[in-house]
Amino acid sequence: MAALDSLLGVGAELIVRATRGICDGSRLNADQGRTLTAARISDWSEVLSLYAEKNAEDVRVSA
């Protein structure tokens, strides 16, 4: 019985460690994704504003 309890303890510890690594990786990926998205939005906003200034009479721009 003690061996089974020991095995369950080790198994639980492995699951906790694996889950912690997955969560940390997911958080890192989410942070990188938000950073890239913010950069792309900024780039496209600049392009859109240039286009809107050039063609102000022909194009309506809304965000």
PDB file of N, CA and C in Angstrom:
ATOM      1  N   MET A   1       0.818  -1.194   0.000  1.00  0.00           N
ATOM      2  CA  MET A   1       0.000   0.000   0.000  1.00  0.00           C
ATOM      3  C   MET A   1       0.864   1.260   0.000  1.00  0.00           C
ATOM      4  N   ALA A   2       1.970   1.209   0.726  1.00  0.00           N
ATOM      5  CA  ALA A   2       2.861   2.366   0.781  1.00  0.00           C
ATOM      6  C   ALA A   2       3.466   2.638  -0.597  1.00  0.00           C
ATOM      7  N   ALA A   3       3.744   1.568  -1.335  1.00  0.00           N
ATOM      8  CA  ALA A   3       4.303   1.741  -2.676  1.00  0.00           C
ATOM      9  C   ALA A   3       3.295   2.420  -3.597  1.00  0.00           C
ATOM     10  N   LEU A   4       2.020   2.061  -3.446  1.00  0.00           N
ATOM     11  CA  LEU A   4       0.981   2.683  -4.258  1.00  0.00           C
ATOM     12  C   LEU A   4       0.832   4.165  -3.922  1.00  0.00           C
ATOM     13  N   ASP A   5       0.873   4.488  -2.639  1.00  0.00           N
ATOM     14  CA  ASP A   5       0.797   5.893  -2.221  1.00  0.00           C
ATOM     15  C   ASP A   5       1.990   6.679  -2.754  1.00  0.00           C
ATOM     16  N   SER A   6       3.161   6.065  -2.715  1.00  0.00           N
ATOM     17  CA  SER A   6       4.373   6.719  -3.228  1.00  0.00           C
ATOM     18  C   SER A   6       4.260   6.946  -4.736  1.00  0.00           C
ATOM     19  N   LEU A   7       3.751   5.950  -5.444  1.00  0.00           N
ATOM     20  CA  LEU A   7       3.576   6.068  -6.888  1.00  0.00           C
ATOM     21  C   LEU A   7       2.564   7.165  -7.238  1.00  0.00           C
ATOM     22  N   LEU A   8       1.481   7.228  -6.476  1.00  0.00           N
ATOM     23  CA  LEU A   8       0.482   8.274  -6.706  1.00  0.00           C
ATOM     24  C   LEU A   8       1.072   9.662  -6.444  1.00  0.00           C
ATOM     25  N   GLY A   9       1.897   9.789  -5.430  1.00  0.00           N
ATOM     26  CA  GLY A   9       2.545  11.066  -5.127  1.00  0.00           C
ATOM     27  C   GLY A   9       3.481  11.509  -6.236  1.00  0.00           C
ATOM     28  N   VAL A  10       4.265  10.559  -6.762  1.00  0.00           N
ATOM     29  CA  VAL A  10       5.191  10.860  -7.859  1.00  0.00           C
ATOM     30  C   VAL A  10       4.400  11.222  -9.120  1.00  0.00           C
ATOM     31  N   GLY A  11       3.343  10.456  -9.389  1.00  0.00           N
ATOM     32  CA  GLY A  11       2.519  10.748 -10.572  1.00  0.00           C
ATOM     33  C   GLY A  11       1.885  12.126 -10.488  1.00  0.00           C
ATOM     34  N   ALA A  12       1.389  12.469  -9.312  1.00  0.00           N
ATOM     35  CA  ALA A  12       0.775  13.789  -9.132  1.00  0.00           C
ATOM     36  C   ALA A  12       1.811  14.893  -9.329  1.00  0.00           C
ATOM     37  N   GLU A  13       3.012  14.677  -8.805  1.00  0.00           N
ATOM     38  CA  GLU A  13       4.083  15.677  -8.962  1.00  0.00           C
ATOM     39  C   GLU A  13       4.453  15.860 -10.438  1.00  0.00           C
ATOM     40  N   LEU A  14       4.524  14.774 -11.182  1.00  0.00           N
ATOM     41  CA  LEU A  14       4.835  14.869 -12.613  1.00  0.00           C
ATOM     42  C   LEU A  14       3.748  15.627 -13.364  1.00  0.00           C
ATOM     43  N   ILE A  15       2.502  15.373 -13.033  1.00  0.00           N
ATOM     44  CA  ILE A  15       1.394  16.077 -13.681  1.00  0.00           C
ATOM     45  C   ILE A  15       1.452  17.569 -13.370  1.00  0.00           C
ATOM     46  N   VAL A  16       1.724  17.900 -12.122  1.00  0.00           N
ATOM     47  CA  VAL A  16       1.819  19.318 -11.736  1.00  0.00           C
ATOM     48  C   VAL A  16       2.954  20.000 -12.495  1.00  0.00           C
ATOM     49  N   ARG A  17       4.099  19.359 -12.574  1.00  0.00           N
ATOM     50  CA  ARG A  17       5.243  19.960 -13.288  1.00  0.00           C
ATOM     51  C   ARG A  17       4.948  20.125 -14.781  1.00  0.00           C
ATOM     52  N   ALA A  18       4.349  19.119 -15.380  1.00  0.00           N
ATOM     53  CA  ALA A  18       4.033  19.196 -16.810  1.00  0.00           C
ATOM     54  C   ALA A  18       3.012  20.292 -17.075  1.00  0.00           C
ATOM     55  N   THR A  19       2.011  20.382 -16.237  1.00  0.00           N
ATOM     56  CA  THR A  19       0.978  21.403 -16.407  1.00  0.00           C
ATOM     57  C   THR A  19       1.552  22.796 -16.220  1.00  0.00           C
ATOM     58  N   ARG A  20       2.419  22.958 -15.260  1.00  0.00           N
ATOM     59  CA  ARG A  20       3.040  24.260 -15.023  1.00  0.00           C
ATOM     60  C   ARG A  20       3.817  24.704 -16.260  1.00  0.00           C
ATOM     61  N   GLY A  21       4.554  23.786 -16.885  1.00  0.00           N
ATOM     62  CA  GLY A  21       5.305  24.123 -18.091  1.00  0.00           C
ATOM     63  C   GLY A  21       4.392  24.508 -19.244  1.00  0.00           C
ATOM     64  N   ILE A  22       3.284  23.801 -19.391  1.00  0.00           N
ATOM     65  CA  ILE A  22       2.323  24.117 -20.460  1.00  0.00           C
ATOM     66  C   ILE A  22       1.720  25.495 -20.230  1.00  0.00           C
ATOM     67  N   CYS A  23       1.349  25.778 -18.996  1.00  0.00           N
ATOM     68  CA  CYS A  23       0.745  27.081 -18.686  1.00  0.00           C
ATOM     69  C   CYS A  23       1.730  28.225 -18.923  1.00  0.00           C
ATOM     70  N   ASP A  24       2.985  28.032 -18.506  1.00  0.00           N
ATOM     71  CA  ASP A  24       3.995  29.070 -18.731  1.00  0.00           C
ATOM     72  C   ASP A  24       4.212  29.297 -20.221  1.00  0.00           C
ATOM     73  N   GLY A  25       4.256  28.213 -21.005  1.00  0.00           N
ATOM     74  CA  GLY A  25       4.430  28.345 -22.452  1.00  0.00           C
ATOM     75  C   GLY A  25       3.246  29.035 -23.095  1.00  0.00           C
ATOM     76  N   SER A  26       2.055  28.716 -22.637  1.00  0.00           N
ATOM     77  CA  SER A  26       0.856  29.345 -23.188  1.00  0.00           C
ATOM     78  C   SER A  26       0.849  30.839 -22.879  1.00  0.00           C
ATOM     79  N   ARG A  27       1.235  31.195 -21.679  1.00  0.00           N
ATOM     80  CA  ARG A  27       1.280  32.602 -21.296  1.00  0.00           C
ATOM     81  C   ARG A  27       2.303  33.358 -22.141  1.00  0.00           C
ATOM     82  N   LEU A  28       3.466  32.750 -22.364  1.00  0.00           N
ATOM     83  CA  LEU A  28       4.506  33.369 -23.187  1.00  0.00           C
ATOM     84  C   LEU A  28       4.023  33.548 -24.616  1.00  0.00           C
ATOM     85  N   ASN A  29       3.388  32.526 -25.185  1.00  0.00           N
ATOM     86  CA  ASN A  29       2.855  32.629 -26.543  1.00  0.00           C
ATOM     87  C   ASN A  29       1.783  33.712 -26.644  1.00  0.00           C
ATOM     88  N   ALA A  30       0.925  33.801 -25.640  1.00  0.00           N
ATOM     89  CA  ALA A  30      -0.125  34.821 -25.646  1.00  0.00           C
ATOM     90  C   ALA A  30       0.479  36.217 -25.586  1.00  0.00           C
ATOM     91  N   ASP A  31       1.494  36.402 -24.751  1.00  0.00           N
ATOM     92  CA  ASP A  31       2.148  37.714 -24.658  1.00  0.00           C
ATOM     93  C   ASP A  31       2.813  38.094 -25.976  1.00  0.00           C
ATOM     94  N   GLN A  32       3.475  37.140 -26.606  1.00  0.00           N
ATOM     95  CA  GLN A  32       4.111  37.415 -27.899  1.00  0.00           C
ATOM     96  C   GLN A  32       3.066  37.719 -28.961  1.00  0.00           C
ATOM     97  N   GLY A  33       1.961  37.000 -28.942  1.00  0.00           N
ATOM     98  CA  GLY A  33       0.888  37.243 -29.902  1.00  0.00           C
ATOM     99  C   GLY A  33       0.291  38.629 -29.752  1.00  0.00           C
ATOM    100  N   ARG A  34       0.075  39.051 -28.511  1.00  0.00           N
ATOM    101  CA  ARG A  34      -0.457  40.406 -28.282  1.00  0.00           C
ATOM    102  C   ARG A  34       0.518  41.474 -28.763  1.00  0.00           C
ATOM    103  N   THR A  35       1.805  41.249 -28.535  1.00  0.00           N
ATOM    104  CA  THR A  35       2.821  42.207 -28.973  1.00  0.00           C
ATOM    105  C   THR A  35       2.835  42.318 -30.504  1.00  0.00           C
ATOM    106  N   LEU A  36       2.803  41.187 -31.180  1.00  0.00           N
ATOM    107  CA  LEU A  36       2.796  41.201 -32.647  1.00  0.00           C
ATOM    108  C   LEU A  36       1.524  41.838 -33.193  1.00  0.00           C
ATOM    109  N   THR A  37       0.402  41.532 -32.587  1.00  0.00           N
ATOM    110  CA  THR A  37      -0.866  42.109 -33.039  1.00  0.00           C
ATOM    111  C   THR A  37      -0.862  43.621 -32.869  1.00  0.00           C
ATOM    112  N   ALA A  38      -0.380  44.094 -31.735  1.00  0.00           N
ATOM    113  CA  ALA A  38      -0.319  45.542 -31.501  1.00  0.00           C
ATOM    114  C   ALA A  38       0.590  46.224 -32.524  1.00  0.00           C
ATOM    115  N   ALA A  39       1.696  45.582 -32.868  1.00  0.00           N
ATOM    116  CA  ALA A  39       2.614  46.155 -33.856  1.00  0.00           C
ATOM    117  C   ALA A  39       1.965  46.211 -35.239  1.00  0.00           C
ATOM    118  N   ARG A  40       1.252  45.168 -35.606  1.00  0.00           N
ATOM    119  CA  ARG A  40       0.586  45.156 -36.923  1.00  0.00           C
ATOM    120  C   ARG A  40      -0.529  46.195 -36.984  1.00  0.00           C
ATOM    121  N   ILE A  41      -1.278  46.325 -35.905  1.00  0.00           N
ATOM    122  CA  ILE A  41      -2.338  47.342 -35.878  1.00  0.00           C
ATOM    123  C   ILE A  41      -1.731  48.726 -36.034  1.00  0.00           C
ATOM    124  N   SER A  42      -0.627  48.964 -35.357  1.00  0.00           N
ATOM    125  CA  SER A  42       0.047  50.254 -35.464  1.00  0.00           C
ATOM    126  C   SER A  42       0.517  50.506 -36.893  1.00  0.00           C
ATOM    127  N   ASP A  43       1.132  49.498 -37.508  1.00  0.00           N
ATOM    128  CA  ASP A  43       1.609  49.645 -38.889  1.00  0.00           C
ATOM    129  C   ASP A  43       0.456  49.958 -39.842  1.00  0.00           C
ATOM    130  N   TRP A  44      -0.628  49.199 -39.741  1.00  0.00           N
ATOM    131  CA  TRP A  44      -1.754  49.402 -40.649  1.00  0.00           C
ATOM    132  C   TRP A  44      -2.470  50.717 -40.381  1.00  0.00           C
ATOM    133  N   SER A  45      -2.489  51.167 -39.143  1.00  0.00           N
ATOM    134  CA  SER A  45      -3.102  52.462 -38.838  1.00  0.00           C
ATOM    135  C   SER A  45      -2.342  53.586 -39.522  1.00  0.00           C
ATOM    136  N   GLU A  46      -1.016  53.474 -39.522  1.00  0.00           N
ATOM    137  CA  GLU A  46      -0.198  54.483 -40.192  1.00  0.00           C
ATOM    138  C   GLU A  46      -0.445  54.466 -41.699  1.00  0.00           C
ATOM    139  N   VAL A  47      -0.511  53.294 -42.282  1.00  0.00           N
ATOM    140  CA  VAL A  47      -0.760  53.175 -43.726  1.00  0.00           C
ATOM    141  C   VAL A  47      -2.147  53.714 -44.061  1.00  0.00           C
ATOM    142  N   LEU A  48      -3.126  53.369 -43.275  1.00  0.00           N
ATOM    143  CA  LEU A  48      -4.491  53.818 -43.520  1.00  0.00           C
ATOM    144  C   LEU A  48      -4.595  55.333 -43.437  1.00  0.00           C
ATOM    145  N   SER A  49      -3.915  55.924 -42.465  1.00  0.00           N
ATOM    146  CA  SER A  49      -3.989  57.378 -42.345  1.00  0.00           C
ATOM    147  C   SER A  49      -3.350  58.056 -43.558  1.00  0.00           C
ATOM    148  N   LEU A  50      -2.265  57.502 -44.094  1.00  0.00           N
ATOM    149  CA  LEU A  50      -1.650  58.075 -45.294  1.00  0.00           C
ATOM    150  C   LEU A  50      -2.591  57.960 -46.485  1.00  0.00           C
ATOM    151  N   TYR A  51      -3.233  56.830 -46.628  1.00  0.00           N
ATOM    152  CA  TYR A  51      -4.163  56.614 -47.727  1.00  0.00           C
ATOM    153  C   TYR A  51      -5.366  57.541 -47.610  1.00  0.00           C
ATOM    154  N   ALA A  52      -5.853  57.698 -46.398  1.00  0.00           N
ATOM    155  CA  ALA A  52      -7.018  58.540 -46.174  1.00  0.00           C
ATOM    156  C   ALA A  52      -6.708  60.008 -46.492  1.00  0.00           C
ATOM    157  N   GLU A  53      -5.521  60.462 -46.157  1.00  0.00           N
ATOM    158  CA  GLU A  53      -5.140  61.838 -46.458  1.00  0.00           C
ATOM    159  C   GLU A  53      -5.057  62.065 -47.964  1.00  0.00           C
ATOM    160  N   LYS A  54      -4.509  61.098 -48.683  1.00  0.00           N
ATOM    161  CA  LYS A  54      -4.351  61.226 -50.123  1.00  0.00           C
ATOM    162  C   LYS A  54      -5.697  61.240 -50.841  1.00  0.00           C
ATOM    163  N   ASN A  55      -6.612  60.411 -50.397  1.00  0.00           N
ATOM    164  CA  ASN A  55      -7.880  60.226 -51.081  1.00  0.00           C
ATOM    165  C   ASN A  55      -9.066  60.658 -50.218  1.00  0.00           C
ATOM    166  N   ALA A  56      -8.912  61.745 -49.521  1.00  0.00           N
ATOM    167  CA  ALA A  56      -9.933  62.183 -48.572  1.00  0.00           C
ATOM    168  C   ALA A  56     -11.272  62.432 -49.255  1.00  0.00           C
ATOM    169  N   GLU A  57     -11.249  62.850 -50.492  1.00  0.00           N
ATOM    170  CA  GLU A  57     -12.501  63.143 -51.180  1.00  0.00           C
ATOM    171  C   GLU A  57     -13.211  61.875 -51.645  1.00  0.00           C
ATOM    172  N   ASP A  58     -12.460  60.835 -51.977  1.00  0.00           N
ATOM    173  CA  ASP A  58     -13.039  59.629 -52.567  1.00  0.00           C
ATOM    174  C   ASP A  58     -13.359  58.529 -51.564  1.00  0.00           C
ATOM    175  N   VAL A  59     -12.735  58.552 -50.398  1.00  0.00           N
ATOM    176  CA  VAL A  59     -12.828  57.419 -49.489  1.00  0.00           C
ATOM    177  C   VAL A  59     -13.271  57.867 -48.104  1.00  0.00           C
ATOM    178  N   ARG A  60     -14.200  57.140 -47.537  1.00  0.00           N
ATOM    179  CA  ARG A  60     -14.560  57.371 -46.142  1.00  0.00           C
ATOM    180  C   ARG A  60     -13.805  56.357 -45.297  1.00  0.00           C
ATOM    181  N   VAL A  61     -13.196  56.824 -44.226  1.00  0.00           N
ATOM    182  CA  VAL A  61     -12.411  55.956 -43.376  1.00  0.00           C
ATOM    183  C   VAL A  61     -13.046  55.931 -41.997  1.00  0.00           C
ATOM    184  N   SER A  62     -13.228  54.724 -41.487  1.00  0.00           N
ATOM    185  CA  SER A  62     -13.729  54.604 -40.122  1.00  0.00           C
ATOM    186  C   SER A  62     -12.956  53.510 -39.412  1.00  0.00           C
ATOM    187  N   ALA A  63     -12.800  53.676 -38.122  1.00  0.00           N
ATOM    188  CA  ALA A  63     -12.037  52.675 -37.354  1.00  0.00           C
ATOM    189  C   ALA A  63     -12.991  51.793 -36.601  1.00  0.00           C
TER     190      ALA A  63
END
